[in-house]
């Protein structure tokens, strides 16, 4: 577990460096002037911080299940989700670096969406859709079909929370590149929800 976690963190750090180069070119166009930087409490900054946190858990869950099953379809799905979300997380953190804004939220998660007054997350679940610490520990103890089903159930819930947040950015964010990324997240995660629902049905389970 420790080796896998360290690998994931290292990969994300590498992506942040690469993402930083990308963001210099595409994430400076803010509004009409092309030179403004989002404020610390803006939707752009809030989405970058919160979605980076949300994505990190998806990466963690995906590497957990990849080691708990031999089913190639689930392993490919988990790998694709982990790689995609680690990449996107690197872009989001790279933008925060570019804007010279803190990566750790100073206020409640999702306050930029008007949800700052939602009850504190249960057992480590910081935002809607996120798994609890207990759920993650249980996933890490399951094997085979049981691990596949639980992963799919947790990831469908996780994606629904991610789609909701990404739609919030589409409505509120002003940086063009970030809005385009959020739209892409909505499309890809809705497609994956449909796929995972079918995989659950094939295993005799429901979301």
N, C-alpha and C. Protein backbone atom coordinates (compact mmCIF):
# COMPACT_ATOMS: atom_id res chain seq x y z
N UNK A 1 0.84 -1.21 0.00
CA UNK A 1 0.00 0.00 0.00
C UNK A 1 0.87 1.25 0.00
N UNK A 2 1.96 1.22 0.81
CA UNK A 2 2.80 2.40 0.91
C UNK A 2 3.48 2.66 -0.42
N UNK A 3 3.98 1.56 -1.10
CA UNK A 3 4.65 1.74 -2.37
C UNK A 3 3.70 2.30 -3.40
N UNK A 4 2.46 1.81 -3.43
CA UNK A 4 1.49 2.29 -4.41
C UNK A 4 1.17 3.76 -4.16
N UNK A 5 0.99 4.14 -2.89
CA UNK A 5 0.65 5.52 -2.56
C UNK A 5 1.77 6.46 -2.96
N UNK A 6 3.01 6.04 -2.68
CA UNK A 6 4.15 6.88 -3.03
C UNK A 6 4.24 7.04 -4.54
N UNK A 7 3.98 5.94 -5.29
CA UNK A 7 4.01 6.03 -6.74
C UNK A 7 2.98 7.02 -7.24
N UNK A 8 1.78 6.94 -6.67
CA UNK A 8 0.69 7.82 -7.13
C UNK A 8 1.04 9.27 -6.87
N UNK A 9 1.58 9.55 -5.67
CA UNK A 9 1.95 10.92 -5.32
C UNK A 9 3.04 11.41 -6.25
N UNK A 10 4.02 10.53 -6.53
CA UNK A 10 5.10 10.92 -7.43
C UNK A 10 4.61 11.22 -8.82
N UNK A 11 3.69 10.39 -9.30
CA UNK A 11 3.13 10.60 -10.63
C UNK A 11 2.39 11.91 -10.71
N UNK A 12 1.62 12.21 -9.67
CA UNK A 12 0.87 13.47 -9.65
C UNK A 12 1.82 14.65 -9.63
N UNK A 13 2.90 14.53 -8.83
CA UNK A 13 3.87 15.62 -8.77
C UNK A 13 4.49 15.86 -10.14
N UNK A 14 4.79 14.76 -10.88
CA UNK A 14 5.36 14.91 -12.22
C UNK A 14 4.38 15.59 -13.15
N UNK A 15 3.10 15.22 -13.02
CA UNK A 15 2.08 15.82 -13.87
C UNK A 15 1.94 17.30 -13.57
N UNK A 16 2.06 17.67 -12.29
CA UNK A 16 1.96 19.07 -11.92
C UNK A 16 3.03 19.88 -12.63
N UNK A 17 4.26 19.32 -12.68
CA UNK A 17 5.34 20.03 -13.36
C UNK A 17 5.01 20.17 -14.84
N UNK A 18 4.56 19.06 -15.45
CA UNK A 18 4.20 19.13 -16.86
C UNK A 18 3.02 20.05 -17.08
N UNK A 19 2.03 19.92 -16.18
CA UNK A 19 0.82 20.73 -16.29
C UNK A 19 1.13 22.21 -16.16
N UNK A 20 2.15 22.54 -15.35
CA UNK A 20 2.52 23.93 -15.18
C UNK A 20 2.90 24.56 -16.50
N UNK A 21 3.64 23.78 -17.34
CA UNK A 21 4.02 24.30 -18.63
C UNK A 21 2.82 24.53 -19.52
N UNK A 22 1.85 23.64 -19.44
CA UNK A 22 0.65 23.77 -20.25
C UNK A 22 -0.16 24.99 -19.82
N UNK A 23 -0.26 25.18 -18.50
CA UNK A 23 -1.15 26.24 -18.02
C UNK A 23 -0.63 27.62 -18.34
N UNK A 24 0.68 27.78 -18.47
CA UNK A 24 1.20 29.09 -18.85
C UNK A 24 0.61 29.53 -20.18
N UNK A 25 0.40 28.55 -21.05
CA UNK A 25 -0.09 28.87 -22.38
C UNK A 25 -1.60 29.06 -22.44
N UNK A 26 -2.35 28.33 -21.60
CA UNK A 26 -3.79 28.31 -21.81
C UNK A 26 -4.63 28.86 -20.67
N UNK A 27 -4.08 29.01 -19.49
CA UNK A 27 -4.93 29.37 -18.35
C UNK A 27 -4.82 30.82 -17.96
N UNK A 28 -4.18 31.64 -18.78
CA UNK A 28 -4.08 33.05 -18.44
C UNK A 28 -5.20 33.87 -19.05
N UNK A 29 -5.95 33.29 -19.98
CA UNK A 29 -7.02 34.06 -20.63
C UNK A 29 -8.23 34.11 -19.73
N UNK A 30 -8.35 35.17 -19.00
CA UNK A 30 -9.41 35.34 -18.01
C UNK A 30 -10.21 36.57 -18.41
N UNK A 31 -11.48 36.37 -18.78
CA UNK A 31 -12.27 37.50 -19.22
C UNK A 31 -11.77 38.00 -20.57
N UNK A 32 -11.93 39.27 -20.82
CA UNK A 32 -11.56 39.82 -22.12
C UNK A 32 -10.12 40.30 -22.18
N UNK A 33 -9.54 40.63 -21.03
CA UNK A 33 -8.20 41.21 -21.05
C UNK A 33 -7.13 40.16 -21.26
N UNK A 34 -7.37 38.90 -20.82
CA UNK A 34 -6.40 37.84 -20.97
C UNK A 34 -5.28 37.92 -19.95
N UNK A 35 -5.34 38.84 -18.98
CA UNK A 35 -4.25 39.00 -18.04
C UNK A 35 -4.69 38.89 -16.59
N UNK A 36 -5.97 38.89 -16.31
CA UNK A 36 -6.45 38.86 -14.93
C UNK A 36 -6.19 37.51 -14.29
N UNK A 37 -6.02 37.52 -12.99
CA UNK A 37 -5.81 36.30 -12.21
C UNK A 37 -7.01 36.13 -11.28
N UNK A 38 -7.56 34.92 -11.18
CA UNK A 38 -8.71 34.71 -10.30
C UNK A 38 -8.38 35.05 -8.85
N UNK A 39 -9.39 35.51 -8.13
CA UNK A 39 -9.22 35.79 -6.71
C UNK A 39 -9.20 34.49 -5.92
N UNK A 40 -8.66 34.54 -4.71
CA UNK A 40 -8.54 33.34 -3.88
C UNK A 40 -9.88 32.68 -3.63
N UNK A 41 -10.93 33.48 -3.48
CA UNK A 41 -12.25 32.94 -3.16
C UNK A 41 -13.14 32.81 -4.40
N UNK A 42 -12.57 32.93 -5.57
CA UNK A 42 -13.35 32.83 -6.80
C UNK A 42 -13.77 31.40 -7.07
N UNK A 43 -14.74 31.25 -7.97
CA UNK A 43 -15.17 29.91 -8.38
C UNK A 43 -14.02 29.17 -9.06
N UNK A 44 -13.21 29.89 -9.83
CA UNK A 44 -12.10 29.26 -10.54
C UNK A 44 -11.12 28.62 -9.55
N UNK A 45 -10.75 29.37 -8.53
CA UNK A 45 -9.80 28.85 -7.54
C UNK A 45 -10.45 27.77 -6.67
N UNK A 46 -11.70 28.00 -6.28
CA UNK A 46 -12.40 27.03 -5.44
C UNK A 46 -12.57 25.69 -6.13
N UNK A 47 -12.95 25.74 -7.41
CA UNK A 47 -13.11 24.51 -8.17
C UNK A 47 -11.78 23.78 -8.31
N UNK A 48 -10.72 24.51 -8.60
CA UNK A 48 -9.41 23.88 -8.75
C UNK A 48 -8.99 23.16 -7.47
N UNK A 49 -9.19 23.82 -6.34
CA UNK A 49 -8.80 23.20 -5.06
C UNK A 49 -9.68 22.00 -4.73
N UNK A 50 -10.99 22.18 -4.83
CA UNK A 50 -11.90 21.11 -4.41
C UNK A 50 -11.86 19.91 -5.36
N UNK A 51 -11.78 20.17 -6.66
CA UNK A 51 -11.75 19.04 -7.59
C UNK A 51 -10.43 18.29 -7.51
N UNK A 52 -9.35 18.98 -7.18
CA UNK A 52 -8.07 18.29 -6.99
C UNK A 52 -8.17 17.31 -5.83
N UNK A 53 -8.84 17.72 -4.76
CA UNK A 53 -9.04 16.83 -3.61
C UNK A 53 -9.95 15.67 -3.98
N UNK A 54 -11.03 15.98 -4.67
CA UNK A 54 -11.99 14.96 -5.10
C UNK A 54 -11.31 13.92 -6.00
N UNK A 55 -10.52 14.40 -6.96
CA UNK A 55 -9.83 13.52 -7.88
C UNK A 55 -8.84 12.60 -7.17
N UNK A 56 -8.15 13.14 -6.17
CA UNK A 56 -7.14 12.33 -5.50
C UNK A 56 -7.74 11.07 -4.89
N UNK A 57 -8.96 11.17 -4.37
CA UNK A 57 -9.58 9.98 -3.80
C UNK A 57 -9.95 8.98 -4.90
N UNK A 58 -10.38 9.46 -6.05
CA UNK A 58 -10.70 8.56 -7.16
C UNK A 58 -9.46 7.79 -7.60
N UNK A 59 -8.33 8.48 -7.64
CA UNK A 59 -7.06 7.82 -7.98
C UNK A 59 -6.74 6.74 -6.96
N UNK A 60 -6.90 7.08 -5.69
CA UNK A 60 -6.62 6.12 -4.61
C UNK A 60 -7.52 4.88 -4.72
N UNK A 61 -8.83 5.09 -4.89
CA UNK A 61 -9.75 3.96 -4.99
C UNK A 61 -9.43 3.08 -6.20
N UNK A 62 -9.05 3.72 -7.29
CA UNK A 62 -8.79 2.97 -8.51
C UNK A 62 -7.56 2.07 -8.37
N UNK A 63 -6.53 2.55 -7.70
CA UNK A 63 -5.36 1.71 -7.51
C UNK A 63 -5.62 0.62 -6.47
N UNK A 64 -6.51 0.90 -5.54
CA UNK A 64 -6.88 -0.16 -4.58
C UNK A 64 -7.52 -1.32 -5.31
N UNK A 65 -8.54 -1.05 -6.14
CA UNK A 65 -9.27 -2.14 -6.79
C UNK A 65 -8.40 -2.82 -7.85
N UNK A 66 -7.51 -2.09 -8.48
CA UNK A 66 -6.66 -2.70 -9.49
C UNK A 66 -5.83 -3.85 -8.89
N UNK A 67 -5.50 -3.73 -7.62
CA UNK A 67 -4.71 -4.76 -6.95
C UNK A 67 -5.57 -5.82 -6.27
N UNK A 68 -6.90 -5.64 -6.32
CA UNK A 68 -7.79 -6.58 -5.61
C UNK A 68 -8.59 -7.47 -6.55
N UNK A 69 -8.39 -7.31 -7.86
CA UNK A 69 -9.14 -8.12 -8.82
C UNK A 69 -8.25 -8.51 -9.99
N UNK A 70 -8.60 -9.61 -10.64
CA UNK A 70 -7.90 -10.04 -11.85
C UNK A 70 -8.73 -9.79 -13.10
N UNK A 71 -9.92 -9.23 -12.91
CA UNK A 71 -10.80 -8.95 -14.04
C UNK A 71 -10.19 -7.83 -14.90
N UNK A 72 -9.86 -8.14 -16.15
CA UNK A 72 -9.15 -7.18 -16.99
C UNK A 72 -10.00 -5.95 -17.32
N UNK A 73 -11.31 -6.13 -17.47
CA UNK A 73 -12.18 -4.99 -17.78
C UNK A 73 -12.19 -3.98 -16.64
N UNK A 74 -12.28 -4.47 -15.41
CA UNK A 74 -12.26 -3.58 -14.25
C UNK A 74 -10.89 -2.95 -14.07
N UNK A 75 -9.85 -3.74 -14.29
CA UNK A 75 -8.49 -3.21 -14.15
C UNK A 75 -8.22 -2.09 -15.16
N UNK A 76 -8.69 -2.28 -16.40
CA UNK A 76 -8.51 -1.24 -17.43
C UNK A 76 -9.29 0.02 -17.06
N UNK A 77 -10.52 -0.17 -16.61
CA UNK A 77 -11.34 0.97 -16.20
C UNK A 77 -10.67 1.73 -15.06
N UNK A 78 -10.23 1.00 -14.05
CA UNK A 78 -9.60 1.63 -12.89
C UNK A 78 -8.33 2.38 -13.31
N UNK A 79 -7.54 1.78 -14.18
CA UNK A 79 -6.31 2.42 -14.64
C UNK A 79 -6.64 3.70 -15.43
N UNK A 80 -7.63 3.62 -16.30
CA UNK A 80 -8.01 4.80 -17.09
C UNK A 80 -8.49 5.94 -16.20
N UNK A 81 -9.32 5.61 -15.21
CA UNK A 81 -9.82 6.64 -14.29
C UNK A 81 -8.66 7.25 -13.51
N UNK A 82 -7.76 6.40 -13.01
CA UNK A 82 -6.62 6.90 -12.23
C UNK A 82 -5.75 7.83 -13.07
N UNK A 83 -5.44 7.41 -14.30
CA UNK A 83 -4.57 8.23 -15.14
C UNK A 83 -5.23 9.55 -15.54
N UNK A 84 -6.50 9.47 -15.93
CA UNK A 84 -7.21 10.68 -16.35
C UNK A 84 -7.32 11.67 -15.21
N UNK A 85 -7.70 11.19 -14.04
CA UNK A 85 -7.92 12.12 -12.93
C UNK A 85 -6.62 12.61 -12.32
N UNK A 86 -5.55 11.81 -12.37
CA UNK A 86 -4.25 12.31 -11.93
C UNK A 86 -3.77 13.42 -12.87
N UNK A 87 -3.99 13.24 -14.17
CA UNK A 87 -3.64 14.26 -15.15
C UNK A 87 -4.39 15.55 -14.91
N UNK A 88 -5.70 15.43 -14.75
CA UNK A 88 -6.53 16.61 -14.52
C UNK A 88 -6.17 17.29 -13.20
N UNK A 89 -5.88 16.49 -12.19
CA UNK A 89 -5.46 17.05 -10.90
C UNK A 89 -4.17 17.86 -11.06
N UNK A 90 -3.26 17.35 -11.87
CA UNK A 90 -2.03 18.09 -12.11
C UNK A 90 -2.30 19.44 -12.78
N UNK A 91 -3.24 19.47 -13.72
CA UNK A 91 -3.59 20.73 -14.37
C UNK A 91 -4.18 21.71 -13.37
N UNK A 92 -5.10 21.22 -12.52
CA UNK A 92 -5.75 22.09 -11.55
C UNK A 92 -4.74 22.69 -10.56
N UNK A 93 -3.84 21.85 -10.06
CA UNK A 93 -2.82 22.34 -9.13
C UNK A 93 -1.83 23.25 -9.86
N UNK A 94 -1.57 22.95 -11.13
CA UNK A 94 -0.68 23.81 -11.90
C UNK A 94 -1.25 25.20 -12.09
N UNK A 95 -2.58 25.27 -12.31
CA UNK A 95 -3.21 26.59 -12.42
C UNK A 95 -3.09 27.37 -11.12
N UNK A 96 -3.30 26.70 -10.00
CA UNK A 96 -3.17 27.38 -8.71
C UNK A 96 -1.75 27.91 -8.52
N UNK A 97 -0.76 27.12 -8.96
CA UNK A 97 0.63 27.60 -8.91
C UNK A 97 0.80 28.83 -9.79
N UNK A 98 0.27 28.74 -11.01
CA UNK A 98 0.39 29.85 -11.95
C UNK A 98 -0.24 31.12 -11.39
N UNK A 99 -1.39 30.95 -10.73
CA UNK A 99 -2.10 32.10 -10.16
C UNK A 99 -1.53 32.53 -8.81
N UNK A 100 -0.58 31.75 -8.28
CA UNK A 100 0.03 32.02 -6.96
C UNK A 100 -1.03 32.06 -5.88
N UNK A 101 -1.92 31.06 -5.92
CA UNK A 101 -3.00 30.94 -4.94
C UNK A 101 -2.80 29.68 -4.10
N UNK A 102 -3.27 29.69 -2.85
CA UNK A 102 -3.10 28.52 -1.98
C UNK A 102 -3.83 27.29 -2.53
N UNK A 103 -3.23 26.14 -2.32
CA UNK A 103 -3.84 24.88 -2.76
C UNK A 103 -4.76 24.30 -1.70
N UNK A 104 -4.61 24.76 -0.47
CA UNK A 104 -5.45 24.27 0.63
C UNK A 104 -6.55 25.30 0.90
N UNK A 105 -7.81 24.88 0.88
CA UNK A 105 -8.91 25.83 1.09
C UNK A 105 -8.86 26.43 2.49
N UNK A 106 -9.12 27.72 2.56
CA UNK A 106 -9.15 28.41 3.85
C UNK A 106 -10.55 28.38 4.44
N UNK A 107 -11.54 28.08 3.62
CA UNK A 107 -12.93 28.02 4.08
C UNK A 107 -13.50 26.65 3.79
N UNK A 108 -14.78 26.48 4.03
CA UNK A 108 -15.42 25.17 3.84
C UNK A 108 -15.38 24.76 2.37
N UNK A 109 -15.26 23.44 2.11
CA UNK A 109 -15.30 22.97 0.72
C UNK A 109 -16.60 23.39 0.04
N UNK A 110 -16.48 23.71 -1.24
CA UNK A 110 -17.61 24.03 -2.12
C UNK A 110 -18.35 25.31 -1.72
N UNK A 111 -17.70 26.15 -0.93
CA UNK A 111 -18.32 27.44 -0.60
C UNK A 111 -18.51 28.27 -1.86
N UNK A 112 -17.61 28.09 -2.83
CA UNK A 112 -17.70 28.82 -4.09
C UNK A 112 -18.97 28.45 -4.87
N UNK A 113 -19.60 27.33 -4.51
CA UNK A 113 -20.86 26.90 -5.12
C UNK A 113 -22.07 27.27 -4.26
N UNK A 114 -21.82 28.00 -3.19
CA UNK A 114 -22.91 28.35 -2.28
C UNK A 114 -23.29 27.21 -1.37
N UNK A 115 -22.35 26.25 -1.18
CA UNK A 115 -22.63 25.08 -0.35
C UNK A 115 -21.74 25.05 0.90
N UNK A 116 -21.23 26.19 1.28
CA UNK A 116 -20.34 26.25 2.42
C UNK A 116 -21.00 25.92 3.75
N UNK A 117 -22.34 25.97 3.77
CA UNK A 117 -23.04 25.70 5.03
C UNK A 117 -23.52 24.25 5.12
N UNK A 118 -23.08 23.38 4.19
CA UNK A 118 -23.49 21.98 4.28
C UNK A 118 -22.85 21.34 5.50
N UNK A 119 -23.48 20.32 6.08
CA UNK A 119 -22.95 19.68 7.29
C UNK A 119 -21.56 19.11 7.04
N UNK A 120 -20.72 19.05 8.08
CA UNK A 120 -19.39 18.48 7.92
C UNK A 120 -19.47 17.05 7.38
N UNK A 121 -18.52 16.70 6.55
CA UNK A 121 -18.51 15.37 5.96
C UNK A 121 -18.38 14.27 7.02
N UNK A 122 -19.01 13.16 6.74
CA UNK A 122 -19.00 12.03 7.66
C UNK A 122 -17.74 11.19 7.47
N UNK A 123 -16.99 10.96 8.54
CA UNK A 123 -15.87 10.02 8.52
C UNK A 123 -14.92 10.27 7.35
N UNK A 124 -14.50 11.51 7.21
CA UNK A 124 -13.50 11.82 6.19
C UNK A 124 -14.03 12.14 4.81
N UNK A 125 -15.32 12.04 4.58
CA UNK A 125 -15.89 12.39 3.27
C UNK A 125 -16.08 13.90 3.21
N UNK A 126 -15.14 14.59 2.59
CA UNK A 126 -15.12 16.05 2.64
C UNK A 126 -16.17 16.71 1.76
N UNK A 127 -16.56 16.01 0.68
CA UNK A 127 -17.51 16.60 -0.26
C UNK A 127 -18.49 15.55 -0.75
N UNK A 128 -19.63 15.98 -1.31
CA UNK A 128 -20.61 15.02 -1.82
C UNK A 128 -19.99 14.03 -2.81
N UNK A 129 -20.34 12.77 -2.64
CA UNK A 129 -19.83 11.73 -3.52
C UNK A 129 -18.58 11.04 -3.01
N UNK A 130 -17.84 11.69 -2.13
CA UNK A 130 -16.60 11.10 -1.64
C UNK A 130 -16.86 9.95 -0.68
N UNK A 131 -16.04 8.92 -0.77
CA UNK A 131 -16.16 7.77 0.13
C UNK A 131 -15.66 8.14 1.52
N UNK A 132 -16.17 7.46 2.53
CA UNK A 132 -15.71 7.67 3.90
C UNK A 132 -14.44 6.86 4.13
N UNK A 133 -13.73 7.16 5.20
CA UNK A 133 -12.54 6.39 5.56
C UNK A 133 -12.89 4.91 5.77
N UNK A 134 -14.03 4.67 6.40
CA UNK A 134 -14.46 3.29 6.65
C UNK A 134 -14.70 2.54 5.34
N UNK A 135 -15.33 3.22 4.37
CA UNK A 135 -15.59 2.60 3.07
C UNK A 135 -14.29 2.27 2.34
N UNK A 136 -13.32 3.17 2.44
CA UNK A 136 -12.04 2.91 1.79
C UNK A 136 -11.32 1.73 2.42
N UNK A 137 -11.35 1.65 3.74
CA UNK A 137 -10.70 0.54 4.43
C UNK A 137 -11.36 -0.79 4.05
N UNK A 138 -12.68 -0.77 3.97
CA UNK A 138 -13.40 -2.00 3.61
C UNK A 138 -13.07 -2.41 2.18
N UNK A 139 -13.00 -1.44 1.25
CA UNK A 139 -12.65 -1.75 -0.12
C UNK A 139 -11.29 -2.43 -0.20
N UNK A 140 -10.36 -1.96 0.63
CA UNK A 140 -9.02 -2.52 0.63
C UNK A 140 -8.92 -3.93 1.18
N UNK A 141 -10.00 -4.41 1.78
CA UNK A 141 -10.00 -5.77 2.34
C UNK A 141 -10.77 -6.76 1.47
N UNK A 142 -11.47 -6.26 0.46
CA UNK A 142 -12.27 -7.14 -0.40
C UNK A 142 -11.42 -7.71 -1.53
N UNK A 143 -11.89 -8.79 -2.09
CA UNK A 143 -11.19 -9.44 -3.20
C UNK A 143 -12.18 -9.77 -4.32
N UNK A 144 -11.66 -9.88 -5.54
CA UNK A 144 -12.44 -10.39 -6.65
C UNK A 144 -13.73 -9.66 -6.91
N UNK A 145 -14.80 -10.42 -7.13
CA UNK A 145 -16.11 -9.87 -7.49
C UNK A 145 -16.61 -8.88 -6.43
N UNK A 146 -16.42 -9.17 -5.17
CA UNK A 146 -16.88 -8.27 -4.11
C UNK A 146 -16.18 -6.92 -4.20
N UNK A 147 -14.87 -6.94 -4.48
CA UNK A 147 -14.12 -5.69 -4.62
C UNK A 147 -14.59 -4.91 -5.85
N UNK A 148 -14.85 -5.63 -6.94
CA UNK A 148 -15.32 -4.98 -8.16
C UNK A 148 -16.64 -4.26 -7.94
N UNK A 149 -17.59 -4.96 -7.32
CA UNK A 149 -18.91 -4.38 -7.09
C UNK A 149 -18.82 -3.16 -6.18
N UNK A 150 -18.06 -3.28 -5.12
CA UNK A 150 -17.98 -2.14 -4.18
C UNK A 150 -17.28 -0.96 -4.83
N UNK A 151 -16.26 -1.23 -5.59
CA UNK A 151 -15.57 -0.14 -6.29
C UNK A 151 -16.51 0.58 -7.25
N UNK A 152 -17.24 -0.18 -8.04
CA UNK A 152 -18.16 0.41 -9.01
C UNK A 152 -19.23 1.25 -8.30
N UNK A 153 -19.74 0.74 -7.20
CA UNK A 153 -20.76 1.49 -6.45
C UNK A 153 -20.19 2.80 -5.90
N UNK A 154 -19.00 2.72 -5.31
CA UNK A 154 -18.37 3.91 -4.75
C UNK A 154 -18.00 4.90 -5.84
N UNK A 155 -17.52 4.39 -6.98
CA UNK A 155 -17.08 5.30 -8.03
C UNK A 155 -18.25 5.95 -8.75
N UNK A 156 -19.36 5.26 -8.89
CA UNK A 156 -20.55 5.89 -9.47
C UNK A 156 -20.98 7.07 -8.60
N UNK A 157 -21.04 6.83 -7.29
CA UNK A 157 -21.39 7.90 -6.36
C UNK A 157 -20.38 9.04 -6.43
N UNK A 158 -19.10 8.67 -6.52
CA UNK A 158 -18.02 9.66 -6.60
C UNK A 158 -18.15 10.49 -7.87
N UNK A 159 -18.40 9.84 -9.00
CA UNK A 159 -18.55 10.55 -10.27
C UNK A 159 -19.75 11.49 -10.24
N UNK A 160 -20.85 11.07 -9.63
CA UNK A 160 -22.02 11.94 -9.57
C UNK A 160 -21.70 13.22 -8.80
N UNK A 161 -20.94 13.09 -7.71
CA UNK A 161 -20.51 14.28 -6.98
C UNK A 161 -19.58 15.13 -7.82
N UNK A 162 -18.70 14.48 -8.60
CA UNK A 162 -17.79 15.22 -9.46
C UNK A 162 -18.51 15.95 -10.58
N UNK A 163 -19.51 15.31 -11.17
CA UNK A 163 -20.30 15.94 -12.23
C UNK A 163 -21.01 17.18 -11.69
N UNK A 164 -21.58 17.06 -10.50
CA UNK A 164 -22.26 18.20 -9.89
C UNK A 164 -21.30 19.37 -9.70
N UNK A 165 -20.09 19.08 -9.23
CA UNK A 165 -19.13 20.14 -9.01
C UNK A 165 -18.66 20.74 -10.33
N UNK A 166 -18.40 19.88 -11.33
CA UNK A 166 -17.95 20.37 -12.63
C UNK A 166 -19.02 21.25 -13.29
N UNK A 167 -20.28 20.86 -13.15
CA UNK A 167 -21.36 21.69 -13.68
C UNK A 167 -21.38 23.04 -12.97
N UNK A 168 -21.04 23.05 -11.69
CA UNK A 168 -20.95 24.31 -10.96
C UNK A 168 -19.89 25.21 -11.53
N UNK A 169 -18.76 24.63 -11.94
CA UNK A 169 -17.70 25.43 -12.56
C UNK A 169 -18.13 25.95 -13.92
N UNK A 170 -18.79 25.11 -14.70
CA UNK A 170 -19.27 25.54 -16.02
C UNK A 170 -20.15 26.78 -15.87
N UNK A 171 -20.96 26.81 -14.82
CA UNK A 171 -21.88 27.93 -14.60
C UNK A 171 -21.19 29.15 -13.99
N UNK A 172 -20.09 28.93 -13.23
CA UNK A 172 -19.53 30.02 -12.43
C UNK A 172 -18.10 30.44 -12.79
N UNK A 173 -17.31 29.52 -13.31
CA UNK A 173 -15.90 29.83 -13.59
C UNK A 173 -15.79 30.80 -14.77
N UNK A 174 -14.68 31.53 -14.81
CA UNK A 174 -14.47 32.51 -15.86
C UNK A 174 -13.27 32.21 -16.74
N UNK A 175 -12.34 31.41 -16.26
CA UNK A 175 -11.16 31.05 -17.07
C UNK A 175 -11.59 30.05 -18.13
N UNK A 176 -11.41 30.42 -19.38
CA UNK A 176 -11.90 29.60 -20.48
C UNK A 176 -11.39 28.17 -20.46
N UNK A 177 -10.09 27.99 -20.22
CA UNK A 177 -9.51 26.64 -20.21
C UNK A 177 -10.11 25.79 -19.10
N UNK A 178 -10.41 26.41 -17.97
CA UNK A 178 -10.97 25.67 -16.85
C UNK A 178 -12.42 25.27 -17.13
N UNK A 179 -13.16 26.16 -17.76
CA UNK A 179 -14.54 25.85 -18.13
C UNK A 179 -14.56 24.69 -19.13
N UNK A 180 -13.64 24.71 -20.09
CA UNK A 180 -13.59 23.62 -21.06
C UNK A 180 -13.22 22.30 -20.38
N UNK A 181 -12.30 22.36 -19.43
CA UNK A 181 -11.94 21.14 -18.70
C UNK A 181 -13.15 20.62 -17.93
N UNK A 182 -13.88 21.51 -17.28
CA UNK A 182 -15.05 21.11 -16.50
C UNK A 182 -16.11 20.48 -17.40
N UNK A 183 -16.33 21.05 -18.58
CA UNK A 183 -17.29 20.46 -19.52
C UNK A 183 -16.85 19.05 -19.92
N UNK A 184 -15.56 18.89 -20.16
CA UNK A 184 -15.04 17.58 -20.51
C UNK A 184 -15.23 16.58 -19.39
N UNK A 185 -15.07 17.04 -18.14
CA UNK A 185 -15.29 16.16 -17.00
C UNK A 185 -16.73 15.69 -16.93
N UNK A 186 -17.66 16.59 -17.16
CA UNK A 186 -19.08 16.23 -17.13
C UNK A 186 -19.36 15.14 -18.16
N UNK A 187 -18.89 15.36 -19.39
CA UNK A 187 -19.16 14.40 -20.47
C UNK A 187 -18.52 13.05 -20.19
N UNK A 188 -17.26 13.04 -19.79
CA UNK A 188 -16.55 11.77 -19.59
C UNK A 188 -17.07 11.01 -18.38
N UNK A 189 -17.36 11.73 -17.30
CA UNK A 189 -17.81 11.03 -16.11
C UNK A 189 -19.24 10.53 -16.24
N UNK A 190 -20.08 11.25 -16.96
CA UNK A 190 -21.43 10.74 -17.22
C UNK A 190 -21.36 9.47 -18.08
N UNK A 191 -20.45 9.46 -19.04
CA UNK A 191 -20.27 8.27 -19.87
C UNK A 191 -19.78 7.09 -19.03
N UNK A 192 -18.85 7.37 -18.10
CA UNK A 192 -18.33 6.31 -17.24
C UNK A 192 -19.37 5.81 -16.24
N UNK A 193 -20.24 6.69 -15.81
CA UNK A 193 -21.34 6.27 -14.92
C UNK A 193 -22.22 5.25 -15.65
N UNK A 194 -22.52 5.54 -16.91
CA UNK A 194 -23.34 4.62 -17.70
C UNK A 194 -22.62 3.28 -17.87
N UNK A 195 -21.33 3.34 -18.15
CA UNK A 195 -20.54 2.11 -18.31
C UNK A 195 -20.52 1.31 -17.01
N UNK A 196 -20.26 1.99 -15.90
CA UNK A 196 -20.15 1.29 -14.62
C UNK A 196 -21.48 0.72 -14.17
N UNK A 197 -22.57 1.40 -14.49
CA UNK A 197 -23.89 0.87 -14.17
C UNK A 197 -24.12 -0.45 -14.90
N UNK A 198 -23.68 -0.51 -16.16
CA UNK A 198 -23.79 -1.74 -16.92
C UNK A 198 -22.92 -2.85 -16.35
N UNK A 199 -21.72 -2.50 -15.88
CA UNK A 199 -20.83 -3.49 -15.28
C UNK A 199 -21.42 -4.03 -13.98
N UNK A 200 -22.07 -3.16 -13.23
CA UNK A 200 -22.73 -3.62 -12.00
C UNK A 200 -23.87 -4.58 -12.33
N UNK A 201 -24.67 -4.21 -13.34
CA UNK A 201 -25.80 -5.05 -13.72
C UNK A 201 -25.32 -6.44 -14.15
N UNK A 202 -24.18 -6.49 -14.86
CA UNK A 202 -23.63 -7.76 -15.30
C UNK A 202 -23.18 -8.61 -14.12
N UNK A 203 -22.94 -7.97 -13.00
CA UNK A 203 -22.52 -8.68 -11.78
C UNK A 203 -23.67 -8.88 -10.80
N UNK A 204 -24.88 -8.61 -11.26
CA UNK A 204 -26.05 -8.82 -10.43
C UNK A 204 -26.19 -7.84 -9.29
N UNK A 205 -25.65 -6.62 -9.47
CA UNK A 205 -25.69 -5.62 -8.41
C UNK A 205 -26.25 -4.30 -8.94
N UNK A 206 -26.60 -3.41 -8.04
CA UNK A 206 -27.13 -2.10 -8.39
C UNK A 206 -26.23 -1.00 -7.81
N UNK A 207 -26.30 0.21 -8.39
CA UNK A 207 -25.50 1.32 -7.86
C UNK A 207 -25.82 1.60 -6.39
